[in-house]
Amino acid sequence: RTYAMRWYRQAPGKERELVATITAGGSTNYA
């Protein structure tokens, strides 16, 4: 519950990219 959580993705042959973030407080952000 104290950690910010994120989803990333990595397509074949590409760099890993940030998809979405949710903070410990529940705030969200998206690519």
PDB file of all heavy atoms in Angstrom:
ATOM      1  N   ARG A   1       0.817  -1.225   0.000  1.00  0.00           N
ATOM      2  CA  ARG A   1       0.000   0.000   0.000  1.00  0.00           C
ATOM      3  C   ARG A   1       0.849   1.273   0.000  1.00  0.00           C
ATOM      4  O   ARG A   1       0.343   2.349  -0.320  1.00  0.00           O
ATOM      5  CB  ARG A   1      -0.923   0.028   1.223  1.00  0.00           C
ATOM      6  CG  ARG A   1      -0.215   0.179   2.536  1.00  0.00           C
ATOM      7  CD  ARG A   1      -1.179   0.150   3.719  1.00  0.00           C
ATOM      8  NE  ARG A   1      -0.505   0.401   4.978  1.00  0.00           N
ATOM      9  CZ  ARG A   1       0.143  -0.508   5.671  1.00  0.00           C
ATOM     10  NH1 ARG A   1       0.180  -1.747   5.220  1.00  0.00           N
ATOM     11  NH2 ARG A   1       0.739  -0.212   6.805  1.00  0.00           N
ATOM     12  N   THR A   2       2.131   1.156   0.352  1.00  0.00           N
ATOM     13  CA  THR A   2       2.988   2.346   0.403  1.00  0.00           C
ATOM     14  C   THR A   2       3.770   2.580  -0.882  1.00  0.00           C
ATOM     15  O   THR A   2       4.514   3.559  -0.985  1.00  0.00           O
ATOM     16  CB  THR A   2       3.987   2.248   1.567  1.00  0.00           C
ATOM     17  OG1 THR A   2       4.925   1.196   1.314  1.00  0.00           O
ATOM     18  CG2 THR A   2       3.272   1.996   2.887  1.00  0.00           C
ATOM     19  N   TYR A   3       3.604   1.704  -1.856  1.00  0.00           N
ATOM     20  CA  TYR A   3       4.377   1.782  -3.087  1.00  0.00           C
ATOM     21  C   TYR A   3       3.549   2.333  -4.245  1.00  0.00           C
ATOM     22  O   TYR A   3       2.366   1.981  -4.403  1.00  0.00           O
ATOM     23  CB  TYR A   3       4.895   0.395  -3.488  1.00  0.00           C
ATOM     24  CG  TYR A   3       6.124  -0.037  -2.743  1.00  0.00           C
ATOM     25  CD1 TYR A   3       6.108  -0.229  -1.368  1.00  0.00           C
ATOM     26  CD2 TYR A   3       7.321  -0.258  -3.417  1.00  0.00           C
ATOM     27  CE1 TYR A   3       7.243  -0.624  -0.683  1.00  0.00           C
ATOM     28  CE2 TYR A   3       8.460  -0.668  -2.745  1.00  0.00           C
ATOM     29  CZ  TYR A   3       8.414  -0.843  -1.383  1.00  0.00           C
ATOM     30  OH  TYR A   3       9.539  -1.237  -0.708  1.00  0.00           O
ATOM     31  N   ALA A   4       4.181   3.164  -5.056  1.00  0.00           N
ATOM     32  CA  ALA A   4       3.608   3.498  -6.351  1.00  0.00           C
ATOM     33  C   ALA A   4       3.741   2.280  -7.256  1.00  0.00           C
ATOM     34  O   ALA A   4       4.771   1.600  -7.237  1.00  0.00           O
ATOM     35  CB  ALA A   4       4.331   4.686  -6.969  1.00  0.00           C
ATOM     36  N   MET A   5       2.712   2.032  -8.044  1.00  0.00           N
ATOM     37  CA  MET A   5       2.712   0.874  -8.935  1.00  0.00           C
ATOM     38  C   MET A   5       2.608   1.344 -10.381  1.00  0.00           C
ATOM     39  O   MET A   5       1.886   2.302 -10.687  1.00  0.00           O
ATOM     40  CB  MET A   5       1.536  -0.050  -8.613  1.00  0.00           C
ATOM     41  CG  MET A   5       1.530  -0.584  -7.188  1.00  0.00           C
ATOM     42  SD  MET A   5       2.974  -1.608  -6.806  1.00  0.00           S
ATOM     43  CE  MET A   5       2.770  -2.968  -7.965  1.00  0.00           C
ATOM     44  N   ARG A   6       3.314   0.669 -11.237  1.00  0.00           N
ATOM     45  CA  ARG A   6       3.341   1.043 -12.654  1.00  0.00           C
ATOM     46  C   ARG A   6       3.221  -0.185 -13.541  1.00  0.00           C
ATOM     47  O   ARG A   6       3.623  -1.284 -13.146  1.00  0.00           O
ATOM     48  CB  ARG A   6       4.647   1.778 -12.994  1.00  0.00           C
ATOM     49  CG  ARG A   6       4.757   3.144 -12.330  1.00  0.00           C
ATOM     50  CD  ARG A   6       6.119   3.767 -12.558  1.00  0.00           C
ATOM     51  NE  ARG A   6       6.168   5.138 -12.074  1.00  0.00           N
ATOM     52  CZ  ARG A   6       6.443   5.465 -10.817  1.00  0.00           C
ATOM     53  NH1 ARG A   6       6.696   4.526  -9.917  1.00  0.00           N
ATOM     54  NH2 ARG A   6       6.463   6.746 -10.462  1.00  0.00           N
ATOM     55  N   TRP A   7       2.680   0.035 -14.698  1.00  0.00           N
ATOM     56  CA  TRP A   7       2.710  -0.957 -15.771  1.00  0.00           C
ATOM     57  C   TRP A   7       3.589  -0.405 -16.895  1.00  0.00           C
ATOM     58  O   TRP A   7       3.447   0.758 -17.291  1.00  0.00           O
ATOM     59  CB  TRP A   7       1.317  -1.238 -16.319  1.00  0.00           C
ATOM     60  CG  TRP A   7       0.469  -2.070 -15.424  1.00  0.00           C
ATOM     61  CD1 TRP A   7      -0.472  -1.639 -14.530  1.00  0.00           C
ATOM     62  CD2 TRP A   7       0.468  -3.499 -15.335  1.00  0.00           C
ATOM     63  NE1 TRP A   7      -1.045  -2.693 -13.886  1.00  0.00           N
ATOM     64  CE2 TRP A   7      -0.497  -3.860 -14.364  1.00  0.00           C
ATOM     65  CE3 TRP A   7       1.173  -4.517 -15.978  1.00  0.00           C
ATOM     66  CZ2 TRP A   7      -0.765  -5.194 -14.032  1.00  0.00           C
ATOM     67  CZ3 TRP A   7       0.912  -5.835 -15.645  1.00  0.00           C
ATOM     68  CH2 TRP A   7      -0.046  -6.160 -14.685  1.00  0.00           C
ATOM     69  N   TYR A   8       4.477  -1.253 -17.366  1.00  0.00           N
ATOM     70  CA  TYR A   8       5.309  -0.971 -18.520  1.00  0.00           C
ATOM     71  C   TYR A   8       5.014  -2.028 -19.573  1.00  0.00           C
ATOM     72  O   TYR A   8       4.437  -3.080 -19.282  1.00  0.00           O
ATOM     73  CB  TYR A   8       6.796  -1.056 -18.158  1.00  0.00           C
ATOM     74  CG  TYR A   8       7.332   0.057 -17.321  1.00  0.00           C
ATOM     75  CD1 TYR A   8       7.096   0.116 -15.944  1.00  0.00           C
ATOM     76  CD2 TYR A   8       8.117   1.067 -17.885  1.00  0.00           C
ATOM     77  CE1 TYR A   8       7.609   1.146 -15.165  1.00  0.00           C
ATOM     78  CE2 TYR A   8       8.649   2.094 -17.116  1.00  0.00           C
ATOM     79  CZ  TYR A   8       8.386   2.122 -15.760  1.00  0.00           C
ATOM     80  OH  TYR A   8       8.902   3.138 -14.995  1.00  0.00           O
ATOM     81  N   ARG A   9       5.452  -1.761 -20.797  1.00  0.00           N
ATOM     82  CA  ARG A   9       5.383  -2.782 -21.833  1.00  0.00           C
ATOM     83  C   ARG A   9       6.614  -2.696 -22.718  1.00  0.00           C
ATOM     84  O   ARG A   9       7.222  -1.641 -22.857  1.00  0.00           O
ATOM     85  CB  ARG A   9       4.112  -2.650 -22.664  1.00  0.00           C
ATOM     86  CG  ARG A   9       4.048  -1.427 -23.550  1.00  0.00           C
ATOM     87  CD  ARG A   9       2.682  -1.321 -24.212  1.00  0.00           C
ATOM     88  NE  ARG A   9       2.598  -0.191 -25.125  1.00  0.00           N
ATOM     89  CZ  ARG A   9       1.478   0.228 -25.686  1.00  0.00           C
ATOM     90  NH1 ARG A   9       0.317  -0.403 -25.430  1.00  0.00           N
ATOM     91  NH2 ARG A   9       1.490   1.254 -26.521  1.00  0.00           N
ATOM     92  N   GLN A  10       6.945  -3.825 -23.314  1.00  0.00           N
ATOM     93  CA  GLN A  10       8.079  -3.886 -24.229  1.00  0.00           C
ATOM     94  C   GLN A  10       7.698  -4.726 -25.432  1.00  0.00           C
ATOM     95  O   GLN A  10       7.464  -5.935 -25.301  1.00  0.00           O
ATOM     96  CB  GLN A  10       9.320  -4.453 -23.550  1.00  0.00           C
ATOM     97  CG  GLN A  10      10.567  -4.358 -24.405  1.00  0.00           C
ATOM     98  CD  GLN A  10      11.848  -4.590 -23.625  1.00  0.00           C
ATOM     99  OE1 GLN A  10      11.835  -5.150 -22.524  1.00  0.00           O
ATOM    100  NE2 GLN A  10      12.952  -4.149 -24.175  1.00  0.00           N
ATOM    101  N   ALA A  11       7.623  -4.062 -26.577  1.00  0.00           N
ATOM    102  CA  ALA A  11       7.319  -4.746 -27.825  1.00  0.00           C
ATOM    103  C   ALA A  11       8.605  -5.311 -28.420  1.00  0.00           C
ATOM    104  O   ALA A  11       9.706  -4.827 -28.109  1.00  0.00           O
ATOM    105  CB  ALA A  11       6.671  -3.775 -28.798  1.00  0.00           C
ATOM    106  N   PRO A  12       8.492  -6.306 -29.280  1.00  0.00           N
ATOM    107  CA  PRO A  12       9.688  -6.901 -29.895  1.00  0.00           C
ATOM    108  C   PRO A  12      10.536  -5.847 -30.596  1.00  0.00           C
ATOM    109  O   PRO A  12      10.032  -5.064 -31.405  1.00  0.00           O
ATOM    110  CB  PRO A  12       9.108  -7.901 -30.887  1.00  0.00           C
ATOM    111  CG  PRO A  12       7.768  -8.242 -30.335  1.00  0.00           C
ATOM    112  CD  PRO A  12       7.263  -6.986 -29.688  1.00  0.00           C
ATOM    113  N   GLY A  13      11.813  -5.814 -30.264  1.00  0.00           N
ATOM    114  CA  GLY A  13      12.734  -4.898 -30.911  1.00  0.00           C
ATOM    115  C   GLY A  13      12.640  -3.461 -30.461  1.00  0.00           C
ATOM    116  O   GLY A  13      13.297  -2.586 -31.037  1.00  0.00           O
ATOM    117  N   LYS A  14      11.842  -3.199 -29.435  1.00  0.00           N
ATOM    118  CA  LYS A  14      11.662  -1.828 -28.961  1.00  0.00           C
ATOM    119  C   LYS A  14      12.050  -1.720 -27.487  1.00  0.00           C
ATOM    120  O   LYS A  14      12.150  -2.713 -26.780  1.00  0.00           O
ATOM    121  CB  LYS A  14      10.218  -1.379 -29.149  1.00  0.00           C
ATOM    122  CG  LYS A  14       9.800  -1.281 -30.616  1.00  0.00           C
ATOM    123  CD  LYS A  14       8.435  -0.654 -30.743  1.00  0.00           C
ATOM    124  CE  LYS A  14       8.042  -0.479 -32.206  1.00  0.00           C
ATOM    125  NZ  LYS A  14       6.708   0.168 -32.357  1.00  0.00           N
ATOM    126  N   GLU A  15      12.239  -0.477 -27.047  1.00  0.00           N
ATOM    127  CA  GLU A  15      12.556  -0.232 -25.652  1.00  0.00           C
ATOM    128  C   GLU A  15      11.306  -0.363 -24.785  1.00  0.00           C
ATOM    129  O   GLU A  15      10.180  -0.185 -25.253  1.00  0.00           O
ATOM    130  CB  GLU A  15      13.160   1.164 -25.484  1.00  0.00           C
ATOM    131  CG  GLU A  15      14.516   1.327 -26.149  1.00  0.00           C
ATOM    132  CD  GLU A  15      15.152   2.664 -25.826  1.00  0.00           C
ATOM    133  OE1 GLU A  15      14.504   3.506 -25.195  1.00  0.00           O
ATOM    134  OE2 GLU A  15      16.321   2.860 -26.208  1.00  0.00           O
ATOM    135  N   ARG A  16      11.546  -0.654 -23.523  1.00  0.00           N
ATOM    136  CA  ARG A  16      10.439  -0.717 -22.575  1.00  0.00           C
ATOM    137  C   ARG A  16       9.859   0.679 -22.399  1.00  0.00           C
ATOM    138  O   ARG A  16      10.604   1.657 -22.277  1.00  0.00           O
ATOM    139  CB  ARG A  16      10.939  -1.271 -21.244  1.00  0.00           C
ATOM    140  CG  ARG A  16       9.861  -1.645 -20.272  1.00  0.00           C
ATOM    141  CD  ARG A  16      10.424  -2.374 -19.050  1.00  0.00           C
ATOM    142  NE  ARG A  16      11.023  -3.649 -19.418  1.00  0.00           N
ATOM    143  CZ  ARG A  16      11.447  -4.549 -18.529  1.00  0.00           C
ATOM    144  NH1 ARG A  16      11.325  -4.303 -17.225  1.00  0.00           N
ATOM    145  NH2 ARG A  16      11.996  -5.672 -18.936  1.00  0.00           N
ATOM    146  N   GLU A  17       8.532   0.776 -22.377  1.00  0.00           N
ATOM    147  CA  GLU A  17       7.888   2.078 -22.224  1.00  0.00           C
ATOM    148  C   GLU A  17       6.877   2.041 -21.077  1.00  0.00           C
ATOM    149  O   GLU A  17       6.244   1.015 -20.807  1.00  0.00           O
ATOM    150  CB  GLU A  17       7.182   2.511 -23.522  1.00  0.00           C
ATOM    151  CG  GLU A  17       6.039   1.638 -23.952  1.00  0.00           C
ATOM    152  CD  GLU A  17       5.255   2.212 -25.128  1.00  0.00           C
ATOM    153  OE1 GLU A  17       5.304   3.434 -25.371  1.00  0.00           O
ATOM    154  OE2 GLU A  17       4.564   1.412 -25.796  1.00  0.00           O
ATOM    155  N   LEU A  18       6.727   3.187 -20.439  1.00  0.00           N
ATOM    156  CA  LEU A  18       5.779   3.331 -19.346  1.00  0.00           C
ATOM    157  C   LEU A  18       4.361   3.417 -19.900  1.00  0.00           C
ATOM    158  O   LEU A  18       4.101   4.198 -20.813  1.00  0.00           O
ATOM    159  CB  LEU A  18       6.101   4.572 -18.524  1.00  0.00           C
ATOM    160  CG  LEU A  18       5.171   4.910 -17.364  1.00  0.00           C
ATOM    161  CD1 LEU A  18       5.177   3.810 -16.316  1.00  0.00           C
ATOM    162  CD2 LEU A  18       5.579   6.246 -16.741  1.00  0.00           C
ATOM    163  N   VAL A  19       3.457   2.642 -19.313  1.00  0.00           N
ATOM    164  CA  VAL A  19       2.063   2.633 -19.755  1.00  0.00           C
ATOM    165  C   VAL A  19       1.194   3.460 -18.816  1.00  0.00           C
ATOM    166  O   VAL A  19       0.468   4.347 -19.243  1.00  0.00           O
ATOM    167  CB  VAL A  19       1.543   1.186 -19.823  1.00  0.00           C
ATOM    168  CG1 VAL A  19       0.040   1.159 -20.101  1.00  0.00           C
ATOM    169  CG2 VAL A  19       2.316   0.387 -20.865  1.00  0.00           C
ATOM    170  N   ALA A  20       1.288   3.157 -17.510  1.00  0.00           N
ATOM    171  CA  ALA A  20       0.407   3.812 -16.548  1.00  0.00           C
ATOM    172  C   ALA A  20       1.003   3.736 -15.151  1.00  0.00           C
ATOM    173  O   ALA A  20       1.769   2.807 -14.848  1.00  0.00           O
ATOM    174  CB  ALA A  20      -0.978   3.163 -16.546  1.00  0.00           C
ATOM    175  N   THR A  21       0.635   4.701 -14.332  1.00  0.00           N
ATOM    176  CA  THR A  21       1.113   4.803 -12.953  1.00  0.00           C
ATOM    177  C   THR A  21      -0.066   5.029 -12.018  1.00  0.00           C
ATOM    178  O   THR A  21      -1.005   5.764 -12.357  1.00  0.00           O
ATOM    179  CB  THR A  21       2.076   5.996 -12.801  1.00  0.00           C
ATOM    180  OG1 THR A  21       3.185   5.830 -13.672  1.00  0.00           O
ATOM    181  CG2 THR A  21       2.562   6.117 -11.362  1.00  0.00           C
ATOM    182  N   ILE A  22      -0.002   4.401 -10.843  1.00  0.00           N
ATOM    183  CA  ILE A  22      -0.937   4.726  -9.770  1.00  0.00           C
ATOM    184  C   ILE A  22      -0.114   4.900  -8.500  1.00  0.00           C
ATOM    185  O   ILE A  22       0.679   4.026  -8.137  1.00  0.00           O
ATOM    186  CB  ILE A  22      -2.055   3.675  -9.614  1.00  0.00           C
ATOM    187  CG1 ILE A  22      -3.070   4.136  -8.569  1.00  0.00           C
ATOM    188  CG2 ILE A  22      -1.511   2.289  -9.317  1.00  0.00           C
ATOM    189  CD1 ILE A  22      -4.382   3.349  -8.612  1.00  0.00           C
ATOM    190  N   THR A  23      -0.269   6.041  -7.846  1.00  0.00           N
ATOM    191  CA  THR A  23       0.519   6.321  -6.646  1.00  0.00           C
ATOM    192  C   THR A  23      -0.059   5.587  -5.444  1.00  0.00           C
ATOM    193  O   THR A  23      -1.147   5.004  -5.504  1.00  0.00           O
ATOM    194  CB  THR A  23       0.536   7.821  -6.364  1.00  0.00           C
ATOM    195  OG1 THR A  23      -0.795   8.242  -5.996  1.00  0.00           O
ATOM    196  CG2 THR A  23       1.011   8.624  -7.573  1.00  0.00           C
ATOM    197  N   ALA A  24       0.666   5.657  -4.343  1.00  0.00           N
ATOM    198  CA  ALA A  24       0.171   5.053  -3.111  1.00  0.00           C
ATOM    199  C   ALA A  24      -1.152   5.692  -2.689  1.00  0.00           C
ATOM    200  O   ALA A  24      -2.015   5.025  -2.107  1.00  0.00           O
ATOM    201  CB  ALA A  24       1.212   5.204  -2.000  1.00  0.00           C
ATOM    202  N   GLY A  25      -1.332   6.949  -3.007  1.00  0.00           N
ATOM    203  CA  GLY A  25      -2.557   7.656  -2.669  1.00  0.00           C
ATOM    204  C   GLY A  25      -3.691   7.464  -3.660  1.00  0.00           C
ATOM    205  O   GLY A  25      -4.800   7.942  -3.436  1.00  0.00           O
ATOM    206  N   GLY A  26      -3.399   6.774  -4.780  1.00  0.00           N
ATOM    207  CA  GLY A  26      -4.448   6.471  -5.751  1.00  0.00           C
ATOM    208  C   GLY A  26      -4.508   7.385  -6.960  1.00  0.00           C
ATOM    209  O   GLY A  26      -5.367   7.202  -7.832  1.00  0.00           O
ATOM    210  N   SER A  27      -3.608   8.338  -7.062  1.00  0.00           N
ATOM    211  CA  SER A  27      -3.575   9.196  -8.249  1.00  0.00           C
ATOM    212  C   SER A  27      -3.041   8.405  -9.432  1.00  0.00           C
ATOM    213  O   SER A  27      -2.141   7.579  -9.277  1.00  0.00           O
ATOM    214  CB  SER A  27      -2.687  10.417  -8.004  1.00  0.00           C
ATOM    215  OG  SER A  27      -3.212  11.201  -6.960  1.00  0.00           O
ATOM    216  N   THR A  28      -3.590   8.687 -10.612  1.00  0.00           N
ATOM    217  CA  THR A  28      -3.214   7.921 -11.799  1.00  0.00           C
ATOM    218  C   THR A  28      -2.660   8.827 -12.894  1.00  0.00           C
ATOM    219  O   THR A  28      -2.965  10.025 -12.955  1.00  0.00           O
ATOM    220  CB  THR A  28      -4.417   7.151 -12.363  1.00  0.00           C
ATOM    221  OG1 THR A  28      -5.458   8.077 -12.698  1.00  0.00           O
ATOM    222  CG2 THR A  28      -4.944   6.153 -11.345  1.00  0.00           C
ATOM    223  N   ASN A  29      -1.849   8.226 -13.741  1.00  0.00           N
ATOM    224  CA  ASN A  29      -1.293   8.934 -14.886  1.00  0.00           C
ATOM    225  C   ASN A  29      -1.063   7.925 -15.992  1.00  0.00           C
ATOM    226  O   ASN A  29      -0.748   6.756 -15.719  1.00  0.00           O
ATOM    227  CB  ASN A  29       0.021   9.628 -14.515  1.00  0.00           C
ATOM    228  CG  ASN A  29       0.422  10.659 -15.529  1.00  0.00           C
ATOM    229  OD1 ASN A  29      -0.422  11.264 -16.189  1.00  0.00           O
ATOM    230  ND2 ASN A  29       1.721  10.862 -15.686  1.00  0.00           N
ATOM    231  N   TYR A  30      -1.225   8.383 -17.250  1.00  0.00           N
ATOM    232  CA  TYR A  30      -1.122   7.496 -18.403  1.00  0.00           C
ATOM    233  C   TYR A  30      -0.259   8.103 -19.482  1.00  0.00           C
ATOM    234  O   TYR A  30      -0.215   9.324 -19.660  1.00  0.00           O
ATOM    235  CB  TYR A  30      -2.518   7.237 -18.986  1.00  0.00           C
ATOM    236  CG  TYR A  30      -3.484   6.624 -18.010  1.00  0.00           C
ATOM    237  CD1 TYR A  30      -4.285   7.420 -17.198  1.00  0.00           C
ATOM    238  CD2 TYR A  30      -3.585   5.237 -17.880  1.00  0.00           C
ATOM    239  CE1 TYR A  30      -5.160   6.862 -16.284  1.00  0.00           C
ATOM    240  CE2 TYR A  30      -4.465   4.665 -16.968  1.00  0.00           C
ATOM    241  CZ  TYR A  30      -5.244   5.487 -16.174  1.00  0.00           C
ATOM    242  OH  TYR A  30      -6.108   4.924 -15.273  1.00  0.00           O
ATOM    243  N   ALA A  31       0.371   7.227 -20.247  1.00  0.00           N
ATOM    244  CA  ALA A  31       1.017   7.680 -21.469  1.00  0.00           C
ATOM    245  C   ALA A  31      -0.076   8.201 -22.407  1.00  0.00           C
ATOM    246  O   ALA A  31      -1.216   7.725 -22.381  1.00  0.00           O
ATOM    247  CB  ALA A  31       1.777   6.533 -22.117  1.00  0.00           C
TER     248      ALA A  31
END
